Protein backbone atom coordinates (compact mmCIF):
# COMPACT_ATOMS: atom_id res chain seq x y z
CA MET A 1 -177.12 63.80 -127.94
CA THR A 2 -175.91 65.91 -124.81
CA LYS A 3 -177.75 68.61 -123.55
CA VAL A 4 -176.61 71.39 -122.11
CA PHE A 5 -178.91 73.86 -120.42
CA PHE A 6 -178.17 77.63 -119.94
CA SER A 7 -179.04 79.38 -116.53
CA TYR A 8 -178.01 82.77 -116.50
CA SER A 9 -179.23 86.80 -116.54
CA HIS A 10 -180.33 88.40 -119.36
CA LYS A 11 -179.06 91.19 -118.45
CA ASP A 12 -175.72 88.85 -119.44
CA GLU A 13 -177.69 87.84 -123.10
CA SER A 14 -175.27 89.09 -124.81
CA LEU A 15 -172.71 87.23 -123.47
CA ARG A 16 -174.94 83.76 -123.76
CA ASP A 17 -175.20 84.30 -127.73
CA MET A 18 -171.05 84.99 -127.79
CA LEU A 19 -170.66 81.40 -125.91
CA GLN A 20 -173.62 79.66 -127.82
CA THR A 21 -171.62 80.59 -130.95
CA HIS A 22 -168.04 79.01 -129.32
CA LEU A 23 -170.43 75.65 -128.96
CA ALA A 24 -171.60 75.46 -132.93
CA GLY A 25 -168.76 73.28 -133.56
CA LEU A 26 -170.22 70.73 -131.05
CA GLN A 27 -173.68 71.28 -132.32
CA HIS A 28 -172.62 70.54 -136.16
CA LYS A 29 -170.85 67.53 -135.13
CA GLY A 30 -174.42 66.59 -133.04
CA LEU A 31 -172.65 66.23 -129.50
CA ILE A 32 -174.68 68.48 -127.98
CA GLU A 33 -178.15 70.55 -127.61
CA THR A 34 -178.66 73.52 -126.08
CA TRP A 35 -181.45 74.96 -124.40
CA HIS A 36 -182.28 78.70 -122.84
CA ASP A 37 -185.25 80.37 -122.06
CA ARG A 38 -185.28 82.16 -125.19
CA ARG A 39 -186.26 79.28 -126.75
CA ILE A 40 -190.10 78.99 -124.78
CA GLY A 41 -192.33 79.63 -127.42
CA ALA A 42 -195.61 81.43 -127.67
CA GLY A 43 -198.45 79.72 -125.73
CA ASP A 44 -195.90 77.80 -123.89
CA GLU A 45 -195.75 77.89 -119.83
CA PHE A 46 -193.48 79.66 -118.34
CA GLU A 47 -192.03 78.21 -115.23
CA ASN A 48 -193.24 74.57 -116.30
CA ALA A 49 -190.54 74.97 -119.96
CA ILE A 50 -187.95 76.12 -117.52
CA ASP A 51 -188.20 73.42 -114.82
CA GLN A 52 -188.76 70.00 -117.96
CA ASN A 53 -185.65 71.86 -119.57
CA LEU A 54 -183.33 71.79 -116.33
CA ASN A 55 -184.95 68.46 -114.77
CA ASP A 56 -183.52 66.95 -118.08
CA ALA A 57 -180.08 68.21 -118.93
CA ASP A 58 -177.35 66.64 -118.64
CA ILE A 59 -174.63 70.01 -118.60
CA ILE A 60 -176.02 73.13 -117.06
CA LEU A 61 -174.07 76.04 -117.31
CA LEU A 62 -174.84 78.71 -114.77
CA LEU A 63 -173.41 81.86 -115.80
CA VAL A 64 -172.41 83.40 -113.76
CA SER A 65 -172.11 87.23 -112.50
CA SER A 66 -173.48 89.86 -109.95
CA ASP A 67 -176.31 89.90 -111.85
CA PHE A 68 -177.19 86.33 -112.12
CA ILE A 69 -176.20 86.06 -108.18
CA GLY A 70 -178.58 88.66 -107.72
CA SER A 71 -181.41 87.29 -109.37
CA LYS A 72 -183.90 85.10 -107.01
CA TYR A 73 -185.15 83.44 -110.27
CA CYS A 74 -181.94 81.98 -111.05
CA TYR A 75 -179.70 82.05 -107.39
CA ASP A 76 -183.17 80.84 -105.31
CA ILE A 77 -184.49 78.09 -108.76
CA GLU A 78 -182.17 77.38 -111.34
CA MET A 79 -179.36 77.48 -109.51
CA ARG A 80 -180.25 74.95 -106.47
CA ARG A 81 -182.31 72.57 -108.84
CA ALA A 82 -179.02 72.31 -110.80
CA ILE A 83 -177.25 71.68 -107.35
CA GLU A 84 -179.80 69.00 -106.12
CA ARG A 85 -179.17 67.32 -109.64
CA HIS A 86 -175.57 67.41 -109.61
CA GLU A 87 -175.00 65.87 -106.16
CA ALA A 88 -177.53 63.13 -106.84
CA ARG A 89 -175.30 62.75 -109.97
CA GLU A 90 -177.84 62.83 -112.58
CA ALA A 91 -176.23 65.95 -114.61
CA ARG A 92 -173.03 67.65 -114.28
CA VAL A 93 -172.59 71.68 -113.48
CA ILE A 94 -170.20 73.97 -114.93
CA PRO A 95 -170.18 77.78 -113.20
CA VAL A 96 -168.93 79.73 -115.96
CA ILE A 97 -168.00 83.59 -114.50
CA LEU A 98 -168.80 86.26 -116.59
CA ARG A 99 -167.73 89.17 -114.80
CA HIS A 100 -166.13 89.59 -111.80
CA CYS A 101 -168.07 89.29 -108.31
CA ASP A 102 -168.28 87.38 -105.28
CA TRP A 103 -169.06 84.11 -106.19
CA HIS A 104 -166.44 81.53 -104.66
CA ASP A 105 -168.52 81.26 -100.84
CA LEU A 106 -171.80 80.47 -102.62
CA PRO A 107 -173.28 76.52 -102.89
CA PHE A 108 -171.35 76.11 -106.46
CA GLY A 109 -168.07 77.64 -105.42
CA LYS A 110 -167.07 74.23 -104.19
CA LEU A 111 -167.54 73.29 -108.04
CA MET A 112 -164.31 73.78 -110.70
CA ALA A 113 -165.25 76.85 -112.55
CA ALA A 114 -164.78 78.04 -116.03
CA PRO A 115 -162.57 79.35 -117.82
CA ARG A 116 -159.64 78.45 -115.97
CA ASP A 117 -158.84 79.27 -112.27
CA GLY A 118 -162.50 80.77 -112.37
CA LYS A 119 -160.88 84.00 -114.27
CA ALA A 120 -163.74 85.97 -115.23
CA ILE A 121 -164.30 85.71 -119.02
CA LYS A 122 -164.59 89.08 -119.17
CA SER A 123 -161.26 89.57 -118.14
CA TRP A 124 -159.43 87.98 -120.28
CA PRO A 125 -157.09 89.51 -123.04
CA ASP A 126 -158.53 88.32 -125.71
CA ILE A 127 -162.95 86.70 -125.27
CA ASP A 128 -162.42 84.86 -127.92
CA GLU A 129 -159.71 82.76 -125.89
CA ALA A 130 -161.56 83.17 -122.80
CA PHE A 131 -164.89 81.92 -124.61
CA LEU A 132 -162.64 78.89 -126.17
CA ASP A 133 -161.37 77.61 -122.87
CA VAL A 134 -164.92 77.36 -121.78
CA VAL A 135 -166.12 74.68 -124.91
CA GLN A 136 -162.80 72.63 -124.09
CA GLN A 137 -163.92 72.47 -120.46
CA ILE A 138 -167.34 71.34 -121.64
CA LYS A 139 -166.22 69.18 -123.98
CA ALA A 140 -163.85 67.12 -120.97
CA ALA A 141 -167.41 67.27 -119.21
CA LEU A 142 -169.31 65.39 -121.53
CA PRO A 143 -171.52 62.92 -119.32
CA LYS A 144 -169.60 59.60 -118.87
CA PRO A 145 -171.45 56.34 -118.64
CA GLU A 146 -171.76 56.30 -115.16
CA LEU A 147 -173.95 59.25 -114.96
CA THR A 148 -176.63 58.47 -117.35
CA GLN A 149 -176.59 55.20 -116.06
CA THR A 150 -177.33 56.01 -112.68
CA ARG A 151 -180.31 58.20 -113.24
CA PRO A 152 -182.90 56.40 -111.76
CA ALA A 153 -185.14 55.18 -115.08
CA SER A 154 -188.74 55.35 -112.79
CA ALA A 155 -187.36 58.02 -110.20
CA PRO A 156 -190.88 59.75 -109.85
CA ARG A 157 -190.68 63.15 -111.37
CA ALA A 158 -193.06 65.76 -110.19
CA VAL A 159 -196.13 66.31 -113.27
CA ALA A 160 -195.84 69.09 -115.46
CA ALA A 161 -197.95 70.67 -117.64
CA PRO A 162 -196.93 69.36 -120.87
CA VAL A 163 -194.44 71.21 -123.11
CA VAL A 164 -194.95 71.64 -126.94
CA HIS A 165 -191.30 71.32 -128.65
CA ARG A 166 -191.00 72.57 -131.72
CA PRO A 167 -188.28 72.62 -134.13
CA ARG A 168 -185.66 74.97 -133.51
CA SER A 169 -182.18 76.37 -134.18
CA GLY A 170 -180.04 77.46 -130.87
CA ASN A 171 -178.10 79.83 -133.51
CA LEU A 172 -180.18 83.10 -132.63
CA SER A 173 -178.04 85.28 -132.20
CA VAL A 174 -178.34 88.23 -134.54
CA ARG A 175 -175.78 90.78 -135.86
CA LYS A 176 -175.65 93.78 -133.72
CA SER A 177 -174.17 97.63 -134.64
CA PHE A 178 -172.28 100.07 -132.49
CA SER A 179 -172.31 103.56 -132.52
CA ASP A 180 -170.01 106.24 -132.59
CA ALA A 181 -170.85 106.92 -129.42
CA ASP A 182 -170.91 103.30 -127.87
CA LYS A 183 -167.13 102.99 -128.88
CA GLU A 184 -166.27 106.43 -127.55
CA SER A 185 -167.71 105.60 -124.16
CA PHE A 186 -165.94 101.94 -124.44
CA LEU A 187 -162.21 104.07 -125.32
CA GLU A 188 -163.12 106.43 -122.48
CA GLU A 189 -163.61 103.79 -119.93
CA ALA A 190 -160.29 101.84 -121.30
CA PHE A 191 -158.16 104.37 -121.14
CA ALA A 192 -159.67 104.68 -116.94
CA TYR A 193 -158.68 101.32 -117.03
CA ILE A 194 -155.22 101.34 -117.86
CA ALA A 195 -154.64 104.20 -115.64
CA ALA A 196 -155.95 102.20 -112.89
CA TYR A 197 -154.10 98.96 -113.57
CA PHE A 198 -150.93 100.89 -113.90
CA GLU A 199 -151.14 103.21 -110.88
CA ASN A 200 -152.23 99.69 -108.62
CA SER A 201 -148.66 97.70 -110.00
CA LEU A 202 -146.61 100.43 -109.49
CA GLN A 203 -147.62 100.16 -105.97
CA GLU A 204 -147.63 96.80 -105.67
CA LEU A 205 -144.58 96.24 -107.44
CA GLU A 206 -142.58 98.92 -105.17
CA ALA A 207 -144.19 97.18 -102.12
CA ARG A 208 -142.27 93.95 -103.13
CA ASN A 209 -139.41 94.90 -105.02
CA THR A 210 -135.97 96.20 -102.15
CA GLY A 211 -134.23 98.42 -104.19
CA LEU A 212 -137.00 99.88 -106.84
CA THR A 213 -138.98 102.85 -106.61
CA THR A 214 -141.87 104.12 -109.00
CA LYS A 215 -143.74 107.04 -109.28
CA PHE A 216 -147.11 107.51 -111.13
CA ARG A 217 -147.87 111.43 -112.60
CA GLN A 218 -151.48 111.90 -114.15
CA ILE A 219 -150.55 114.70 -116.41
CA ASP A 220 -154.54 115.40 -117.41
CA ALA A 221 -158.17 113.31 -118.32
CA ASN A 222 -156.13 112.38 -121.41
CA ARG A 223 -152.64 111.19 -120.57
CA PHE A 224 -150.32 109.33 -117.65
CA THR A 225 -146.78 109.31 -117.29
CA ALA A 226 -145.05 106.03 -115.24
CA VAL A 227 -141.75 105.67 -114.02
CA ILE A 228 -139.79 102.51 -112.49
CA TYR A 229 -136.01 103.34 -110.80
CA LYS A 230 -134.00 100.90 -109.68
CA ASP A 231 -131.50 102.06 -106.74
CA GLY A 232 -132.43 105.63 -107.89
CA THR A 233 -131.66 105.17 -111.49
CA ALA A 234 -135.18 105.35 -114.57
CA VAL A 235 -134.59 101.83 -115.38
CA SER A 236 -138.25 102.15 -117.69
CA HIS A 237 -140.65 104.76 -118.28
CA CYS A 238 -143.69 105.40 -120.60
CA LYS A 239 -146.15 107.86 -121.45
CA ILE A 240 -150.03 106.41 -122.26
CA SER A 241 -152.37 108.57 -123.97
CA LEU A 242 -155.80 108.78 -124.83
CA GLY A 243 -156.96 110.01 -128.44
CA THR A 244 -153.50 110.13 -129.74
CA GLY A 245 -152.93 107.65 -132.34
CA MET A 246 -153.19 106.93 -136.30
CA PHE A 247 -157.12 107.09 -135.85
CA ARG A 248 -156.87 110.00 -133.12
CA ASP A 249 -160.10 109.59 -131.37
CA ALA A 250 -160.25 106.18 -131.51
CA SER A 251 -156.83 104.65 -130.28
CA ILE A 252 -155.25 104.20 -126.78
CA THR A 253 -151.02 104.68 -127.40
CA TYR A 254 -148.00 103.90 -125.89
CA SER A 255 -144.46 105.73 -126.01
CA ALA A 256 -141.35 104.21 -124.49
CA ASN A 257 -140.49 107.75 -122.60
CA ASP A 258 -142.42 110.06 -120.27
CA GLN A 259 -141.78 113.41 -121.98
CA VAL A 260 -145.01 115.21 -122.07
CA ASN A 261 -145.13 117.34 -124.88
CA ASP A 262 -143.04 114.21 -126.86
CA GLY A 263 -146.44 112.91 -129.45
CA SER A 264 -144.40 109.73 -130.51
CA TYR A 265 -145.66 106.61 -129.96
CA ASN A 266 -144.37 103.17 -130.22
CA GLU A 267 -147.81 100.85 -129.87
CA ALA A 268 -151.37 101.84 -130.47
CA LEU A 269 -154.31 100.63 -129.09
CA ASN A 270 -157.12 100.60 -131.91
CA VAL A 271 -161.05 99.96 -130.60
CA GLU A 272 -163.00 98.08 -133.32
CA ALA A 273 -165.84 96.21 -133.76
CA ASP A 274 -167.56 93.18 -135.19
CA ASP A 275 -171.36 92.03 -134.97
CA GLN A 276 -171.21 91.25 -131.32
CA HIS A 277 -169.40 93.30 -129.42
CA ILE A 278 -166.57 96.27 -129.14
CA TYR A 279 -162.98 95.58 -128.64
CA MET A 280 -159.36 96.84 -128.82
CA LYS A 281 -156.47 95.71 -131.39
CA SER A 282 -153.38 96.61 -131.29
CA MET A 283 -151.16 97.73 -134.59
CA GLY A 284 -148.65 95.51 -134.09
CA MET A 285 -145.43 97.74 -133.42
CA ALA A 286 -144.76 95.81 -130.34
CA PHE A 287 -144.17 92.92 -132.44
CA HIS A 288 -142.24 90.62 -129.71
CA TYR A 289 -145.77 90.66 -127.94
CA ASN A 290 -147.67 88.74 -130.71
CA SER A 291 -150.71 90.94 -130.21
CA ARG A 292 -151.97 92.28 -133.19
CA GLU A 293 -154.19 89.33 -134.44
CA LYS A 294 -156.05 89.42 -130.62
CA LYS A 295 -158.96 90.48 -129.91
CA LEU A 296 -158.43 93.01 -126.52
CA THR A 297 -160.49 93.60 -123.25
CA GLN A 298 -159.50 96.64 -121.40
CA GLU A 299 -157.78 93.90 -118.93
CA GLY A 300 -155.95 92.85 -122.07
CA GLY A 301 -154.77 95.97 -123.54
CA ALA A 302 -153.70 96.95 -120.06
CA ASP A 303 -151.49 93.38 -119.88
CA LEU A 304 -150.19 94.44 -123.05
CA TYR A 305 -148.98 97.40 -122.23
CA TRP A 306 -148.41 96.21 -119.02
CA ALA A 307 -146.08 93.73 -120.54
CA ILE A 308 -143.83 96.18 -122.34
CA PHE A 309 -143.11 98.92 -119.99
CA ILE A 310 -142.38 96.10 -117.10
CA GLY A 311 -139.75 94.31 -119.79
CA PRO A 312 -136.05 95.36 -119.12
CA LEU A 313 -136.83 94.36 -115.76
CA GLN A 314 -137.62 90.67 -116.83
């Protein structure tokens, strides 16, 4: 059985829990067993337990974020030892990019990262799709015979105090609850993100395409409009508003016009939550985009609305 070690910052524990859940299928098949520092039992020596499990691991996942990079223990101890073992062909190291951060020039930046193209998990439109991609890359990296054969059977190893291993499940995630305040904060952050996404995308669109001009207008804290002109003629326009959909304060709506006083809308993103995280789901009114069942991140919501908006030009 392949042993998988999680190296991560405790500030990313919720994302680690989600990855653990997505790996459950491989665990049920008996293909992997996972270990992280939350499995250290009372009375065990913290550093010795980590050292022993890190040195025994076949696959080491570096769960990368700014907090991971900023953690002296994660970066200077776990990451450096992981790279040593990877270069000695004793283990496979896979950087898993959780959140946007400056990682490409670091020692693990030369390694193929997951999800594909090193796109941070938090920036995927559908966060479950991001974790699925990570799981598929882990499956592809299950140690090949030469990896296990090249580990010296009698190589000297630093002697550590014995660690008592107690049988325990790796499935230790528990149900989380999210208050109305949590959902409201998420929604406000999502609206601000979508507004910035549109403003920056309009500027880039105009810079790249001769004959196109654009306009972004922030009406107030809860509404903005966007227009694309081709040779002076408006070819696409929209108004995006916070808290005006079917669920009022729990939605961000898209109107295929830029009329300030028009309360109609053509699509809505509603905030929902499961037992692990908050996300957005579209009502599916823009049925061509097949997004109704997806759990959308803030970038996912912005991607959906931009796809609808730029559609007339494509």
